[in-house]
Amino acid sequence: MSRRCQLTGKKANNAYAVSHSHRRTKKLQEVNLQWKRIWWPEGNCWVRLRISTKAIRTIDQKGLAAMAKEAGLDLRKFAGSSKMSAEQRQAHQ
């Protein structure tokens, strides 16, 4: 599995490490990914995603549902075990 943000699609960047003598060696700038459990109000459950720290800040502004729609994600796939009653599950489906 590649290190890629599930919401924004951010991935590693190729770069150079430049020494004091200006000698260049290739390095990989990895994206800062975190496993994050976020409350999804529409689904009434927790969703566990591997997202970048920038995506965490953007979720605070836009909201989880809006970002998932932009990314084309179905959040039901990432929903964890929640304490929904049988009536809530039927209403959800």
PDB file of N, CA and C in Angstrom:
ATOM      1  N   MET A   1       0.843  -1.175   0.000  1.00  0.00           N
ATOM      2  CA  MET A   1       0.000   0.000   0.000  1.00  0.00           C
ATOM      3  C   MET A   1       0.892   1.242   0.000  1.00  0.00           C
ATOM      4  N   SER A   2       0.642   2.129  -0.943  1.00  0.00           N
ATOM      5  CA  SER A   2       1.470   3.335  -1.017  1.00  0.00           C
ATOM      6  C   SER A   2       1.055   4.335   0.053  1.00  0.00           C
ATOM      7  N   ARG A   3       2.007   5.176   0.435  1.00  0.00           N
ATOM      8  CA  ARG A   3       1.719   6.213   1.420  1.00  0.00           C
ATOM      9  C   ARG A   3       1.019   7.348   0.702  1.00  0.00           C
ATOM     10  N   ARG A   4      -0.293   7.345   0.761  1.00  0.00           N
ATOM     11  CA  ARG A   4      -1.088   8.338   0.062  1.00  0.00           C
ATOM     12  C   ARG A   4      -2.285   8.711   0.931  1.00  0.00           C
ATOM     13  N   CYS A   5      -2.590  10.004   0.978  1.00  0.00           N
ATOM     14  CA  CYS A   5      -3.730  10.482   1.754  1.00  0.00           C
ATOM     15  C   CYS A   5      -5.015  10.020   1.076  1.00  0.00           C
ATOM     16  N   GLN A   6      -5.948   9.480   1.848  1.00  0.00           N
ATOM     17  CA  GLN A   6      -7.180   8.951   1.283  1.00  0.00           C
ATOM     18  C   GLN A   6      -8.154  10.051   0.858  1.00  0.00           C
ATOM     19  N   LEU A   7      -8.008  11.240   1.416  1.00  0.00           N
ATOM     20  CA  LEU A   7      -8.921  12.332   1.060  1.00  0.00           C
ATOM     21  C   LEU A   7      -8.354  13.278   0.009  1.00  0.00           C
ATOM     22  N   THR A   8      -7.090  13.677   0.159  1.00  0.00           N
ATOM     23  CA  THR A   8      -6.527  14.662  -0.760  1.00  0.00           C
ATOM     24  C   THR A   8      -5.683  14.038  -1.867  1.00  0.00           C
ATOM     25  N   GLY A   9      -5.244  12.803  -1.683  1.00  0.00           N
ATOM     26  CA  GLY A   9      -4.411  12.154  -2.693  1.00  0.00           C
ATOM     27  C   GLY A   9      -2.948  12.549  -2.618  1.00  0.00           C
ATOM     28  N   LYS A  10      -2.546  13.269  -1.566  1.00  0.00           N
ATOM     29  CA  LYS A  10      -1.145  13.677  -1.427  1.00  0.00           C
ATOM     30  C   LYS A  10      -0.255  12.444  -1.345  1.00  0.00           C
ATOM     31  N   LYS A  11       0.944  12.543  -1.970  1.00  0.00           N
ATOM     32  CA  LYS A  11       1.906  11.440  -1.947  1.00  0.00           C
ATOM     33  C   LYS A  11       3.314  12.004  -1.838  1.00  0.00           C
ATOM     34  N   ALA A  12       4.315  11.129  -1.814  1.00  0.00           N
ATOM     35  CA  ALA A  12       5.704  11.533  -1.630  1.00  0.00           C
ATOM     36  C   ALA A  12       6.195  12.367  -2.811  1.00  0.00           C
ATOM     37  N   ASN A  13       7.203  13.221  -2.529  1.00  0.00           N
ATOM     38  CA  ASN A  13       7.788  14.101  -3.523  1.00  0.00           C
ATOM     39  C   ASN A  13       9.278  13.790  -3.644  1.00  0.00           C
ATOM     40  N   ASN A  14       9.799  13.716  -4.880  1.00  0.00           N
ATOM     41  CA  ASN A  14      11.230  13.522  -5.100  1.00  0.00           C
ATOM     42  C   ASN A  14      11.942  14.861  -4.954  1.00  0.00           C
ATOM     43  N   ALA A  15      13.084  14.853  -4.241  1.00  0.00           N
ATOM     44  CA  ALA A  15      13.811  16.093  -4.008  1.00  0.00           C
ATOM     45  C   ALA A  15      15.298  15.775  -3.890  1.00  0.00           C
ATOM     46  N   TYR A  16      16.081  16.817  -3.726  1.00  0.00           N
ATOM     47  CA  TYR A  16      17.512  16.680  -3.507  1.00  0.00           C
ATOM     48  C   TYR A  16      17.863  17.107  -2.102  1.00  0.00           C
ATOM     49  N   ALA A  17      18.778  16.363  -1.476  1.00  0.00           N
ATOM     50  CA  ALA A  17      19.400  16.794  -0.232  1.00  0.00           C
ATOM     51  C   ALA A  17      20.708  17.463  -0.647  1.00  0.00           C
ATOM     52  N   VAL A  18      20.857  18.745  -0.362  1.00  0.00           N
ATOM     53  CA  VAL A  18      22.031  19.502  -0.795  1.00  0.00           C
ATOM     54  C   VAL A  18      22.948  19.702   0.405  1.00  0.00           C
ATOM     55  N   SER A  19      24.186  19.222   0.281  1.00  0.00           N
ATOM     56  CA  SER A  19      25.145  19.319   1.378  1.00  0.00           C
ATOM     57  C   SER A  19      25.805  20.700   1.388  1.00  0.00           C
ATOM     58  N   HIS A  20      26.699  20.898   2.351  1.00  0.00           N
ATOM     59  CA  HIS A  20      27.412  22.175   2.455  1.00  0.00           C
ATOM     60  C   HIS A  20      28.284  22.429   1.212  1.00  0.00           C
ATOM     61  N   SER A  21      28.845  21.343   0.649  1.00  0.00           N
ATOM     62  CA  SER A  21      29.681  21.473  -0.550  1.00  0.00           C
ATOM     63  C   SER A  21      28.825  21.518  -1.823  1.00  0.00           C
ATOM     64  N   HIS A  22      27.556  21.586  -1.644  1.00  0.00           N
ATOM     65  CA  HIS A  22      26.556  21.677  -2.723  1.00  0.00           C
ATOM     66  C   HIS A  22      26.455  20.382  -3.538  1.00  0.00           C
ATOM     67  N   ARG A  23      26.851  19.273  -2.923  1.00  0.00           N
ATOM     68  CA  ARG A  23      26.693  17.971  -3.557  1.00  0.00           C
ATOM     69  C   ARG A  23      25.242  17.535  -3.381  1.00  0.00           C
ATOM     70  N   ARG A  24      24.619  17.045  -4.433  1.00  0.00           N
ATOM     71  CA  ARG A  24      23.200  16.707  -4.387  1.00  0.00           C
ATOM     72  C   ARG A  24      22.994  15.198  -4.387  1.00  0.00           C
ATOM     73  N   THR A  25      22.192  14.721  -3.453  1.00  0.00           N
ATOM     74  CA  THR A  25      21.783  13.316  -3.425  1.00  0.00           C
ATOM     75  C   THR A  25      20.263  13.294  -3.361  1.00  0.00           C
ATOM     76  N   LYS A  26      19.696  12.307  -4.019  1.00  0.00           N
ATOM     77  CA  LYS A  26      18.236  12.237  -4.075  1.00  0.00           C
ATOM     78  C   LYS A  26      17.664  11.778  -2.741  1.00  0.00           C
ATOM     79  N   LYS A  27      16.522  12.348  -2.395  1.00  0.00           N
ATOM     80  CA  LYS A  27      15.814  11.920  -1.193  1.00  0.00           C
ATOM     81  C   LYS A  27      14.315  11.960  -1.485  1.00  0.00           C
ATOM     82  N   LEU A  28      13.568  11.352  -0.623  1.00  0.00           N
ATOM     83  CA  LEU A  28      12.112  11.290  -0.777  1.00  0.00           C
ATOM     84  C   LEU A  28      11.475  12.066   0.358  1.00  0.00           C
ATOM     85  N   GLN A  29      10.648  13.051   0.019  1.00  0.00           N
ATOM     86  CA  GLN A  29       9.930  13.815   1.038  1.00  0.00           C
ATOM     87  C   GLN A  29       8.561  13.158   1.212  1.00  0.00           C
ATOM     88  N   GLU A  30       8.431  12.416   2.306  1.00  0.00           N
ATOM     89  CA  GLU A  30       7.182  11.697   2.554  1.00  0.00           C
ATOM     90  C   GLU A  30       6.110  12.648   3.078  1.00  0.00           C
ATOM     91  N   VAL A  31       4.875  12.326   2.794  1.00  0.00           N
ATOM     92  CA  VAL A  31       3.749  13.110   3.311  1.00  0.00           C
ATOM     93  C   VAL A  31       3.512  12.710   4.764  1.00  0.00           C
ATOM     94  N   ASN A  32       3.066  13.658   5.574  1.00  0.00           N
ATOM     95  CA  ASN A  32       2.836  13.415   7.000  1.00  0.00           C
ATOM     96  C   ASN A  32       1.450  12.792   7.170  1.00  0.00           C
ATOM     97  N   LEU A  33       1.387  11.472   7.176  1.00  0.00           N
ATOM     98  CA  LEU A  33       0.107  10.752   7.272  1.00  0.00           C
ATOM     99  C   LEU A  33      -0.152  10.301   8.698  1.00  0.00           C
ATOM    100  N   GLN A  34      -1.408  10.356   9.079  1.00  0.00           N
ATOM    101  CA  GLN A  34      -1.841   9.945  10.413  1.00  0.00           C
ATOM    102  C   GLN A  34      -3.088   9.076  10.272  1.00  0.00           C
ATOM    103  N   TRP A  35      -3.203   8.059  11.129  1.00  0.00           N
ATOM    104  CA  TRP A  35      -4.469   7.337  11.245  1.00  0.00           C
ATOM    105  C   TRP A  35      -5.365   8.200  12.120  1.00  0.00           C
ATOM    106  N   LYS A  36      -6.539   8.568  11.618  1.00  0.00           N
ATOM    107  CA  LYS A  36      -7.413   9.485  12.350  1.00  0.00           C
ATOM    108  C   LYS A  36      -8.824   8.908  12.373  1.00  0.00           C
ATOM    109  N   ARG A  37      -9.410   8.928  13.555  1.00  0.00           N
ATOM    110  CA  ARG A  37     -10.792   8.480  13.722  1.00  0.00           C
ATOM    111  C   ARG A  37     -11.658   9.732  13.820  1.00  0.00           C
ATOM    112  N   ILE A  38     -12.551   9.911  12.864  1.00  0.00           N
ATOM    113  CA  ILE A  38     -13.348  11.134  12.754  1.00  0.00           C
ATOM    114  C   ILE A  38     -14.822  10.768  12.857  1.00  0.00           C
ATOM    115  N   TRP A  39     -15.580  11.582  13.589  1.00  0.00           N
ATOM    116  CA  TRP A  39     -17.022  11.354  13.711  1.00  0.00           C
ATOM    117  C   TRP A  39     -17.708  11.808  12.426  1.00  0.00           C
ATOM    118  N   TRP A  40     -18.518  10.925  11.854  1.00  0.00           N
ATOM    119  CA  TRP A  40     -19.278  11.208  10.629  1.00  0.00           C
ATOM    120  C   TRP A  40     -20.743  11.364  11.032  1.00  0.00           C
ATOM    121  N   PRO A  41     -21.253  12.605  11.136  1.00  0.00           N
ATOM    122  CA  PRO A  41     -22.611  12.821  11.646  1.00  0.00           C
ATOM    123  C   PRO A  41     -23.706  12.235  10.749  1.00  0.00           C
ATOM    124  N   GLU A  42     -23.519  12.281   9.426  1.00  0.00           N
ATOM    125  CA  GLU A  42     -24.549  11.748   8.514  1.00  0.00           C
ATOM    126  C   GLU A  42     -24.707  10.236   8.667  1.00  0.00           C
ATOM    127  N   GLY A  43     -23.596   9.541   8.892  1.00  0.00           N
ATOM    128  CA  GLY A  43     -23.636   8.097   9.065  1.00  0.00           C
ATOM    129  C   GLY A  43     -23.806   7.688  10.509  1.00  0.00           C
ATOM    130  N   ASN A  44     -23.724   8.665  11.413  1.00  0.00           N
ATOM    131  CA  ASN A  44     -23.854   8.430  12.848  1.00  0.00           C
ATOM    132  C   ASN A  44     -22.856   7.372  13.334  1.00  0.00           C
ATOM    133  N   CYS A  45     -21.596   7.497  12.875  1.00  0.00           N
ATOM    134  CA  CYS A  45     -20.582   6.534  13.282  1.00  0.00           C
ATOM    135  C   CYS A  45     -19.193   7.153  13.142  1.00  0.00           C
ATOM    136  N   TRP A  46     -18.200   6.448  13.673  1.00  0.00           N
ATOM    137  CA  TRP A  46     -16.812   6.853  13.541  1.00  0.00           C
ATOM    138  C   TRP A  46     -16.259   6.292  12.246  1.00  0.00           C
ATOM    139  N   VAL A  47     -15.384   7.066  11.591  1.00  0.00           N
ATOM    140  CA  VAL A  47     -14.735   6.652  10.354  1.00  0.00           C
ATOM    141  C   VAL A  47     -13.231   6.726  10.585  1.00  0.00           C
ATOM    142  N   ARG A  48     -12.511   5.660  10.244  1.00  0.00           N
ATOM    143  CA  ARG A  48     -11.059   5.621  10.455  1.00  0.00           C
ATOM    144  C   ARG A  48     -10.378   5.774   9.106  1.00  0.00           C
ATOM    145  N   LEU A  49      -9.607   6.877   8.958  1.00  0.00           N
ATOM    146  CA  LEU A  49      -8.958   7.190   7.687  1.00  0.00           C
ATOM    147  C   LEU A  49      -7.474   7.433   7.887  1.00  0.00           C
ATOM    148  N   ARG A  50      -6.703   7.189   6.848  1.00  0.00           N
ATOM    149  CA  ARG A  50      -5.270   7.533   6.836  1.00  0.00           C
ATOM    150  C   ARG A  50      -5.144   8.809   6.014  1.00  0.00           C
ATOM    151  N   ILE A  51      -4.991   9.929   6.702  1.00  0.00           N
ATOM    152  CA  ILE A  51      -5.024  11.224   6.032  1.00  0.00           C
ATOM    153  C   ILE A  51      -3.835  12.084   6.437  1.00  0.00           C
ATOM    154  N   SER A  52      -3.540  13.072   5.599  1.00  0.00           N
ATOM    155  CA  SER A  52      -2.439  13.987   5.879  1.00  0.00           C
ATOM    156  C   SER A  52      -2.885  15.016   6.916  1.00  0.00           C
ATOM    157  N   THR A  53      -1.901  15.649   7.549  1.00  0.00           N
ATOM    158  CA  THR A  53      -2.229  16.648   8.565  1.00  0.00           C
ATOM    159  C   THR A  53      -2.899  17.868   7.941  1.00  0.00           C
ATOM    160  N   LYS A  54      -2.582  18.170   6.694  1.00  0.00           N
ATOM    161  CA  LYS A  54      -3.260  19.267   5.998  1.00  0.00           C
ATOM    162  C   LYS A  54      -4.738  18.922   5.797  1.00  0.00           C
ATOM    163  N   ALA A  55      -5.035  17.663   5.502  1.00  0.00           N
ATOM    164  CA  ALA A  55      -6.422  17.236   5.320  1.00  0.00           C
ATOM    165  C   ALA A  55      -7.197  17.341   6.627  1.00  0.00           C
ATOM    166  N   ILE A  56      -6.527  17.106   7.748  1.00  0.00           N
ATOM    167  CA  ILE A  56      -7.188  17.230   9.055  1.00  0.00           C
ATOM    168  C   ILE A  56      -7.647  18.661   9.269  1.00  0.00           C
ATOM    169  N   ARG A  57      -6.779  19.624   8.920  1.00  0.00           N
ATOM    170  CA  ARG A  57      -7.151  21.034   9.063  1.00  0.00           C
ATOM    171  C   ARG A  57      -8.265  21.409   8.094  1.00  0.00           C
ATOM    172  N   THR A  58      -8.248  20.855   6.881  1.00  0.00           N
ATOM    173  CA  THR A  58      -9.263  21.173   5.885  1.00  0.00           C
ATOM    174  C   THR A  58     -10.612  20.595   6.285  1.00  0.00           C
ATOM    175  N   ILE A  59     -10.624  19.433   6.950  1.00  0.00           N
ATOM    176  CA  ILE A  59     -11.876  18.838   7.431  1.00  0.00           C
ATOM    177  C   ILE A  59     -12.555  19.779   8.413  1.00  0.00           C
ATOM    178  N   ASP A  60     -11.758  20.451   9.248  1.00  0.00           N
ATOM    179  CA  ASP A  60     -12.321  21.411  10.200  1.00  0.00           C
ATOM    180  C   ASP A  60     -13.046  22.545   9.484  1.00  0.00           C
ATOM    181  N   GLN A  61     -12.565  22.941   8.303  1.00  0.00           N
ATOM    182  CA  GLN A  61     -13.180  24.044   7.563  1.00  0.00           C
ATOM    183  C   GLN A  61     -14.356  23.586   6.720  1.00  0.00           C
ATOM    184  N   LYS A  62     -14.141  22.553   5.882  1.00  0.00           N
ATOM    185  CA  LYS A  62     -15.153  22.128   4.911  1.00  0.00           C
ATOM    186  C   LYS A  62     -16.141  21.110   5.457  1.00  0.00           C
ATOM    187  N   GLY A  63     -15.647  20.223   6.302  1.00  0.00           N
ATOM    188  CA  GLY A  63     -16.470  19.124   6.792  1.00  0.00           C
ATOM    189  C   GLY A  63     -16.077  17.822   6.107  1.00  0.00           C
ATOM    190  N   LEU A  64     -16.305  16.733   6.788  1.00  0.00           N
ATOM    191  CA  LEU A  64     -15.894  15.416   6.295  1.00  0.00           C
ATOM    192  C   LEU A  64     -16.680  14.992   5.063  1.00  0.00           C
ATOM    193  N   ALA A  65     -17.992  15.205   5.070  1.00  0.00           N
ATOM    194  CA  ALA A  65     -18.827  14.756   3.951  1.00  0.00           C
ATOM    195  C   ALA A  65     -18.457  15.481   2.660  1.00  0.00           C
ATOM    196  N   ALA A  66     -18.190  16.778   2.745  1.00  0.00           N
ATOM    197  CA  ALA A  66     -17.839  17.555   1.555  1.00  0.00           C
ATOM    198  C   ALA A  66     -16.503  17.097   0.967  1.00  0.00           C
ATOM    199  N   MET A  67     -15.537  16.833   1.833  1.00  0.00           N
ATOM    200  CA  MET A  67     -14.227  16.383   1.344  1.00  0.00           C
ATOM    201  C   MET A  67     -14.303  14.978   0.744  1.00  0.00           C
ATOM    202  N   ALA A  68     -15.095  14.114   1.354  1.00  0.00           N
ATOM    203  CA  ALA A  68     -15.239  12.755   0.824  1.00  0.00           C
ATOM    204  C   ALA A  68     -15.929  12.782  -0.533  1.00  0.00           C
ATOM    205  N   LYS A  69     -16.880  13.683  -0.698  1.00  0.00           N
ATOM    206  CA  LYS A  69     -17.570  13.802  -1.983  1.00  0.00           C
ATOM    207  C   LYS A  69     -16.601  14.275  -3.062  1.00  0.00           C
ATOM    208  N   GLU A  70     -15.732  15.237  -2.747  1.00  0.00           N
ATOM    209  CA  GLU A  70     -14.731  15.725  -3.691  1.00  0.00           C
ATOM    210  C   GLU A  70     -13.759  14.614  -4.084  1.00  0.00           C
ATOM    211  N   ALA A  71     -13.387  13.782  -3.101  1.00  0.00           N
ATOM    212  CA  ALA A  71     -12.432  12.702  -3.345  1.00  0.00           C
ATOM    213  C   ALA A  71     -13.100  11.485  -3.979  1.00  0.00           C
ATOM    214  N   GLY A  72     -14.429  11.445  -3.987  1.00  0.00           N
ATOM    215  CA  GLY A  72     -15.145  10.301  -4.537  1.00  0.00           C
ATOM    216  C   GLY A  72     -15.093   9.087  -3.641  1.00  0.00           C
ATOM    217  N   LEU A  73     -15.066   9.316  -2.321  1.00  0.00           N
ATOM    218  CA  LEU A  73     -14.988   8.228  -1.344  1.00  0.00           C
ATOM    219  C   LEU A  73     -16.365   7.870  -0.804  1.00  0.00           C
ATOM    220  N   ASP A  74     -16.583   6.578  -0.601  1.00  0.00           N
ATOM    221  CA  ASP A  74     -17.774   6.109   0.092  1.00  0.00           C
ATOM    222  C   ASP A  74     -17.377   5.858   1.540  1.00  0.00           C
ATOM    223  N   LEU A  75     -17.813   6.733   2.433  1.00  0.00           N
ATOM    224  CA  LEU A  75     -17.377   6.650   3.832  1.00  0.00           C
ATOM    225  C   LEU A  75     -17.905   5.417   4.544  1.00  0.00           C
ATOM    226  N   ARG A  76     -18.935   4.770   4.004  1.00  0.00           N
ATOM    227  CA  ARG A  76     -19.468   3.563   4.649  1.00  0.00           C
ATOM    228  C   ARG A  76     -18.439   2.442   4.664  1.00  0.00           C
ATOM    229  N   LYS A  77     -17.501   2.453   3.697  1.00  0.00           N
ATOM    230  CA  LYS A  77     -16.448   1.426   3.661  1.00  0.00           C
ATOM    231  C   LYS A  77     -15.498   1.559   4.843  1.00  0.00           C
ATOM    232  N   PHE A  78     -15.313   2.795   5.309  1.00  0.00           N
ATOM    233  CA  PHE A  78     -14.351   3.059   6.364  1.00  0.00           C
ATOM    234  C   PHE A  78     -14.993   3.160   7.743  1.00  0.00           C
ATOM    235  N   ALA A  79     -16.292   2.940   7.816  1.00  0.00           N
ATOM    236  CA  ALA A  79     -17.003   3.053   9.090  1.00  0.00           C
ATOM    237  C   ALA A  79     -16.614   1.898   9.997  1.00  0.00           C
ATOM    238  N   GLY A  80     -16.333   2.229  11.236  1.00  0.00           N
ATOM    239  CA  GLY A  80     -15.983   1.215  12.222  1.00  0.00           C
ATOM    240  C   GLY A  80     -17.237   0.668  12.874  1.00  0.00           C
ATOM    241  N   SER A  81     -17.031  -0.151  13.871  1.00  0.00           N
ATOM    242  CA  SER A  81     -18.178  -0.678  14.599  1.00  0.00           C
ATOM    243  C   SER A  81     -18.768   0.446  15.433  1.00  0.00           C
ATOM    244  N   SER A  82     -20.019   0.706  15.231  1.00  0.00           N
ATOM    245  CA  SER A  82     -20.671   1.788  15.967  1.00  0.00           C
ATOM    246  C   SER A  82     -21.833   1.223  16.768  1.00  0.00           C
ATOM    247  N   LYS A  83     -22.307   2.005  17.661  1.00  0.00           N
ATOM    248  CA  LYS A  83     -23.396   1.575  18.526  1.00  0.00           C
ATOM    249  C   LYS A  83     -24.732   2.077  17.969  1.00  0.00           C
ATOM    250  N   MET A  84     -25.040   1.694  16.729  1.00  0.00           N
ATOM    251  CA  MET A  84     -26.305   2.102  16.129  1.00  0.00           C
ATOM    252  C   MET A  84     -27.369   1.057  16.448  1.00  0.00           C
ATOM    253  N   SER A  85     -28.558   1.526  16.676  1.00  0.00           N
ATOM    254  CA  SER A  85     -29.657   0.600  16.901  1.00  0.00           C
ATOM    255  C   SER A  85     -30.108   0.020  15.559  1.00  0.00           C
ATOM    256  N   ALA A  86     -30.923  -1.015  15.600  1.00  0.00           N
ATOM    257  CA  ALA A  86     -31.402  -1.658  14.376  1.00  0.00           C
ATOM    258  C   ALA A  86     -32.242  -0.682  13.550  1.00  0.00           C
ATOM    259  N   GLU A  87     -33.014   0.182  14.223  1.00  0.00           N
ATOM    260  CA  GLU A  87     -33.835   1.162  13.496  1.00  0.00           C
ATOM    261  C   GLU A  87     -32.957   2.171  12.759  1.00  0.00           C
ATOM    262  N   GLN A  88     -31.874   2.615  13.394  1.00  0.00           N
ATOM    263  CA  GLN A  88     -30.973   3.577  12.765  1.00  0.00           C
ATOM    264  C   GLN A  88     -30.270   2.957  11.564  1.00  0.00           C
ATOM    265  N   ARG A  89     -29.900   1.655  11.678  1.00  0.00           N
ATOM    266  CA  ARG A  89     -29.243   0.994  10.555  1.00  0.00           C
ATOM    267  C   ARG A  89     -30.164   0.893   9.357  1.00  0.00           C
ATOM    268  N   GLN A  90     -31.430   0.585   9.595  1.00  0.00           N
ATOM    269  CA  GLN A  90     -32.375   0.474   8.488  1.00  0.00           C
ATOM    270  C   GLN A  90     -32.632   1.829   7.861  1.00  0.00           C
ATOM    271  N   ALA A  91     -32.716   2.874   8.665  1.00  0.00           N
ATOM    272  CA  ALA A  91     -32.916   4.221   8.151  1.00  0.00           C
ATOM    273  C   ALA A  91     -31.688   4.668   7.352  1.00  0.00           C
ATOM    274  N   HIS A  92     -30.510   4.210   7.764  1.00  0.00           N
ATOM    275  CA  HIS A  92     -29.273   4.590   7.094  1.00  0.00           C
ATOM    276  C   HIS A  92     -29.170   3.946   5.721  1.00  0.00           C
ATOM    277  N   GLN A  93     -29.657   2.725   5.583  1.00  0.00           N
ATOM    278  CA  GLN A  93     -29.558   2.013   4.303  1.00  0.00           C
ATOM    279  C   GLN A  93     -30.743   2.332   3.484  1.00  0.00           C
TER     280      GLN A  93
END
